[in-house]
């Protein structure tokens, strides 16, 4: 039985969702009427899935999502919203949501989405969002709960950040004190890990995940003798 936390500022919505989900065999361990309460309950109860309304007073759904990921890292977050705007979906994915479901979805799809984010880890996108470009972006970047950026080594994050800033492999090698061959190897590993096959895809991923500001100034990276280092 999957343990759930519901957060929505409308009591009738919460009660309706709770009744529906309990009939479907899920266990609703708590309800919250705002984002801050959702964060506190998640930290206390560690539910397997938290269903968050995007628009809540005070701390909104995106803010609560980020705090829940810190307070209860194992909790998967499914965003529930009436907005199908591309920006909201990408922001949710970037912040570490496991899925995004529209409020006018069917009860069947809600249950399917919960099962999907709990078991499979892939970002679940509401069937009613028919934006082909958005779906392609999510598929290309492999956006998952937690974000694949967390799978990268510190050095790979540095290389990715500099790629996103438009630097060529030779420039990256000089800035990080690496050999061009080592930079090329890091680039290949990045593409393999992220499921991206072009430099443009790497740049887009870095920007969406906020990794384009991850690299320290070059002065902190240079070796004392100025010679390339391994990494």
Protein backbone atom coordinates (compact mmCIF):
# COMPACT_ATOMS: atom_id res chain seq x y z
CA UNK A 1 0.00 0.00 0.00
CA UNK A 2 1.48 3.34 -1.07
CA UNK A 3 1.44 6.01 1.65
CA UNK A 4 0.33 9.43 0.39
CA UNK A 5 0.36 13.03 1.53
CA UNK A 6 -2.24 15.37 -0.02
CA UNK A 7 -1.73 19.13 -0.16
CA UNK A 8 -4.37 21.47 -1.59
CA UNK A 9 -5.78 24.68 -0.18
CA UNK A 10 -9.37 23.64 -1.00
CA UNK A 11 -10.80 21.31 1.63
CA UNK A 12 -13.45 19.84 -0.67
CA UNK A 13 -10.77 18.94 -3.21
CA UNK A 14 -8.69 17.21 -0.54
CA UNK A 15 -11.66 15.29 0.80
CA UNK A 16 -12.67 14.20 -2.67
CA UNK A 17 -9.16 13.08 -3.53
CA UNK A 18 -8.82 11.23 -0.24
CA UNK A 19 -12.06 9.32 -0.72
CA UNK A 20 -11.12 8.43 -4.29
CA UNK A 21 -7.60 7.29 -3.41
CA UNK A 22 -8.62 5.27 -0.37
CA UNK A 23 -11.21 3.44 -2.47
CA UNK A 24 -8.41 2.67 -4.92
CA UNK A 25 -6.33 1.09 -2.17
CA UNK A 26 -3.91 3.87 -1.30
CA UNK A 27 -3.24 5.04 2.26
CA UNK A 28 -3.57 8.80 2.81
CA UNK A 29 -1.45 9.46 5.88
CA UNK A 30 -2.02 13.22 6.07
CA UNK A 31 -3.58 16.29 4.45
CA UNK A 32 -2.25 19.84 4.26
CA UNK A 33 -3.93 23.08 3.29
CA UNK A 34 -0.77 24.98 2.42
CA UNK A 35 2.80 24.39 1.33
CA UNK A 36 4.48 24.93 4.68
CA UNK A 37 2.22 22.42 6.40
CA UNK A 38 2.95 19.94 3.61
CA UNK A 39 6.69 20.29 4.19
CA UNK A 40 6.33 19.76 7.94
CA UNK A 41 4.12 16.70 7.48
CA UNK A 42 6.45 15.20 4.88
CA UNK A 43 9.42 15.63 7.21
CA UNK A 44 7.51 13.95 10.04
CA UNK A 45 5.79 11.11 8.16
CA UNK A 46 8.06 10.44 5.15
CA UNK A 47 5.24 9.44 2.76
CA UNK A 48 6.18 7.58 -0.38
CA UNK A 49 4.35 10.07 -2.60
CA UNK A 50 3.26 13.66 -1.95
CA UNK A 51 0.58 15.13 -4.21
CA UNK A 52 0.96 18.90 -4.23
CA UNK A 53 -1.32 21.54 -5.69
CA UNK A 54 0.77 23.99 -7.68
CA UNK A 55 -1.08 27.11 -6.51
CA UNK A 56 -1.29 27.29 -2.71
CA UNK A 57 -1.15 30.34 -0.42
CA UNK A 58 2.10 31.22 1.30
CA UNK A 59 4.59 28.61 0.18
CA UNK A 60 3.33 27.47 -3.22
CA UNK A 61 3.63 24.00 -4.71
CA UNK A 62 7.03 24.58 -6.32
CA UNK A 63 8.45 26.01 -3.11
CA UNK A 64 7.03 23.13 -1.09
CA UNK A 65 8.45 20.67 -3.62
CA UNK A 66 11.98 21.98 -3.11
CA UNK A 67 11.65 21.92 0.68
CA UNK A 68 10.17 18.41 0.73
CA UNK A 69 13.06 17.11 -1.34
CA UNK A 70 15.37 18.35 1.42
CA UNK A 71 13.22 17.29 4.38
CA UNK A 72 12.15 13.89 3.02
CA UNK A 73 14.46 12.89 0.13
CA UNK A 74 12.77 9.55 -0.52
CA UNK A 75 9.34 11.12 -1.01
CA UNK A 76 8.33 11.34 -4.67
CA UNK A 77 6.36 14.48 -5.52
CA UNK A 78 3.51 14.56 -8.03
CA UNK A 79 2.42 18.09 -8.93
CA UNK A 80 -1.30 18.61 -9.45
CA UNK A 81 -2.34 21.69 -11.40
CA UNK A 82 -4.94 23.29 -13.63
CA UNK A 83 -2.17 24.91 -15.69
CA UNK A 84 -0.79 23.14 -18.76
CA UNK A 85 1.72 25.91 -19.51
CA UNK A 86 5.12 24.60 -20.61
CA UNK A 87 6.97 26.85 -18.17
CA UNK A 88 5.19 25.42 -15.14
CA UNK A 89 5.89 21.85 -16.21
CA UNK A 90 9.57 22.50 -16.88
CA UNK A 91 9.96 24.38 -13.60
CA UNK A 92 8.41 21.46 -11.74
CA UNK A 93 10.70 18.98 -13.48
CA UNK A 94 13.71 21.20 -12.85
CA UNK A 95 12.85 21.44 -9.15
CA UNK A 96 12.75 17.64 -8.87
CA UNK A 97 9.10 16.69 -9.29
CA UNK A 98 8.45 13.09 -10.28
CA UNK A 99 5.40 13.99 -12.35
CA UNK A 100 2.91 16.66 -13.40
CA UNK A 101 -0.81 15.91 -13.63
CA UNK A 102 -3.64 18.20 -14.69
CA UNK A 103 -6.60 18.54 -12.34
CA UNK A 104 -9.08 17.61 -15.04
CA UNK A 105 -7.44 14.21 -15.49
CA UNK A 106 -9.43 11.06 -14.79
CA UNK A 107 -9.33 9.19 -11.50
CA UNK A 108 -7.82 6.28 -13.39
CA UNK A 109 -4.93 8.41 -14.60
CA UNK A 110 -4.32 9.83 -11.13
CA UNK A 111 -3.85 6.32 -9.78
CA UNK A 112 -1.66 5.44 -12.76
CA UNK A 113 0.50 8.52 -12.17
CA UNK A 114 1.01 7.68 -8.49
CA UNK A 115 2.05 4.13 -9.34
CA UNK A 116 4.35 5.36 -12.10
CA UNK A 117 6.28 7.91 -10.05
CA UNK A 118 6.56 5.50 -7.12
CA UNK A 119 7.75 2.48 -9.06
CA UNK A 120 9.38 3.62 -12.26
CA UNK A 121 11.08 6.91 -11.46
CA UNK A 122 10.48 8.40 -14.90
CA UNK A 123 8.88 11.83 -15.07
CA UNK A 124 5.13 11.33 -15.50
CA UNK A 125 3.42 13.88 -17.73
CA UNK A 126 -0.36 14.19 -17.87
CA UNK A 127 -1.91 12.62 -20.96
CA UNK A 128 -3.93 15.79 -21.48
CA UNK A 129 -0.78 17.81 -22.09
CA UNK A 130 -0.45 17.36 -25.84
CA UNK A 131 2.39 19.84 -26.37
CA UNK A 132 4.70 17.77 -28.58
CA UNK A 133 7.68 20.06 -28.03
CA UNK A 134 7.34 19.79 -24.26
CA UNK A 135 7.10 16.02 -24.36
CA UNK A 136 10.17 15.88 -26.61
CA UNK A 137 12.11 18.14 -24.26
CA UNK A 138 11.33 15.95 -21.28
CA UNK A 139 12.14 12.76 -23.17
CA UNK A 140 15.39 14.14 -24.60
CA UNK A 141 16.64 15.49 -21.30
CA UNK A 142 15.53 12.39 -19.41
CA UNK A 143 14.07 14.51 -16.61
CA UNK A 144 13.47 12.28 -13.60
CA UNK A 145 12.70 12.80 -9.96
CA UNK A 146 15.82 14.12 -8.31
CA UNK A 147 17.21 15.19 -11.67
CA UNK A 148 19.98 13.42 -13.50
CA UNK A 149 22.25 16.28 -12.53
CA UNK A 150 22.58 14.48 -9.19
CA UNK A 151 24.18 11.53 -10.99
CA UNK A 152 27.03 13.67 -12.27
CA UNK A 153 30.44 13.85 -10.65
CA UNK A 154 31.70 17.30 -9.55
CA UNK A 155 34.09 17.35 -12.53
CA UNK A 156 31.31 16.44 -14.98
CA UNK A 157 29.20 19.26 -13.57
CA UNK A 158 32.07 21.68 -14.13
CA UNK A 159 32.54 20.53 -17.72
CA UNK A 160 28.79 20.73 -18.36
CA UNK A 161 28.62 24.24 -16.90
CA UNK A 162 31.39 25.43 -19.21
CA UNK A 163 29.80 23.73 -22.23
CA UNK A 164 26.62 25.63 -21.39
CA UNK A 165 28.63 28.88 -21.41
CA UNK A 166 29.68 28.21 -24.98
CA UNK A 167 33.27 27.13 -24.40
CA UNK A 168 34.92 24.69 -26.80
CA UNK A 169 36.74 21.59 -25.56
CA UNK A 170 40.16 23.24 -25.85
CA UNK A 171 39.01 26.25 -23.84
CA UNK A 172 37.47 24.01 -21.19
CA UNK A 173 40.70 22.03 -20.98
CA UNK A 174 42.74 25.20 -20.39
CA UNK A 175 40.29 26.62 -17.83
CA UNK A 176 40.11 23.43 -15.77
CA UNK A 177 43.73 22.42 -16.22
CA UNK A 178 42.83 19.21 -18.06
CA UNK A 179 43.96 17.67 -21.30
CA UNK A 180 41.65 18.00 -24.34
CA UNK A 181 41.38 14.20 -24.41
CA UNK A 182 40.09 14.16 -20.83
CA UNK A 183 37.52 16.86 -21.62
CA UNK A 184 36.34 14.88 -24.63
CA UNK A 185 35.93 11.82 -22.40
CA UNK A 186 33.87 13.82 -19.90
CA UNK A 187 31.69 15.15 -22.72
CA UNK A 188 31.03 11.62 -23.96
CA UNK A 189 30.14 10.43 -20.45
CA UNK A 190 27.78 13.36 -19.99
CA UNK A 191 25.90 12.50 -23.16
CA UNK A 192 25.67 8.85 -22.16
CA UNK A 193 24.43 9.61 -18.62
CA UNK A 194 21.90 12.22 -19.66
CA UNK A 195 20.67 10.47 -22.80
CA UNK A 196 21.59 13.56 -24.86
CA UNK A 197 23.27 13.25 -28.25
CA UNK A 198 24.17 16.82 -29.21
CA UNK A 199 25.96 19.79 -27.66
CA UNK A 200 22.72 21.76 -27.97
CA UNK A 201 21.01 19.09 -25.88
CA UNK A 202 23.69 19.37 -23.20
CA UNK A 203 23.33 23.15 -23.12
CA UNK A 204 19.55 22.95 -22.86
CA UNK A 205 19.79 20.40 -20.05
CA UNK A 206 22.29 22.51 -18.11
CA UNK A 207 20.09 25.59 -18.36
CA UNK A 208 16.92 23.75 -17.36
CA UNK A 209 18.65 22.22 -14.35
CA UNK A 210 20.43 25.43 -13.35
CA UNK A 211 23.86 23.84 -13.84
CA UNK A 212 25.16 26.61 -16.10
CA UNK A 213 26.30 28.52 -13.00
CA UNK A 214 27.97 25.56 -11.32
CA UNK A 215 31.58 26.26 -12.19
CA UNK A 216 33.86 28.25 -9.85
CA UNK A 217 35.99 31.05 -11.30
CA UNK A 218 39.04 29.71 -13.17
CA UNK A 219 41.44 31.25 -10.66
CA UNK A 220 40.34 28.69 -8.08
CA UNK A 221 40.97 25.83 -10.50
CA UNK A 222 44.42 26.57 -11.92
CA UNK A 223 47.29 24.42 -10.73
CA UNK A 224 50.33 26.08 -9.23
CA UNK A 225 52.51 25.13 -12.20
CA UNK A 226 49.82 25.82 -14.82
CA UNK A 227 50.12 22.31 -16.21
CA UNK A 228 47.10 20.16 -17.14
CA UNK A 229 45.78 17.95 -14.38
CA UNK A 230 43.82 14.73 -14.59
CA UNK A 231 40.20 14.76 -13.46
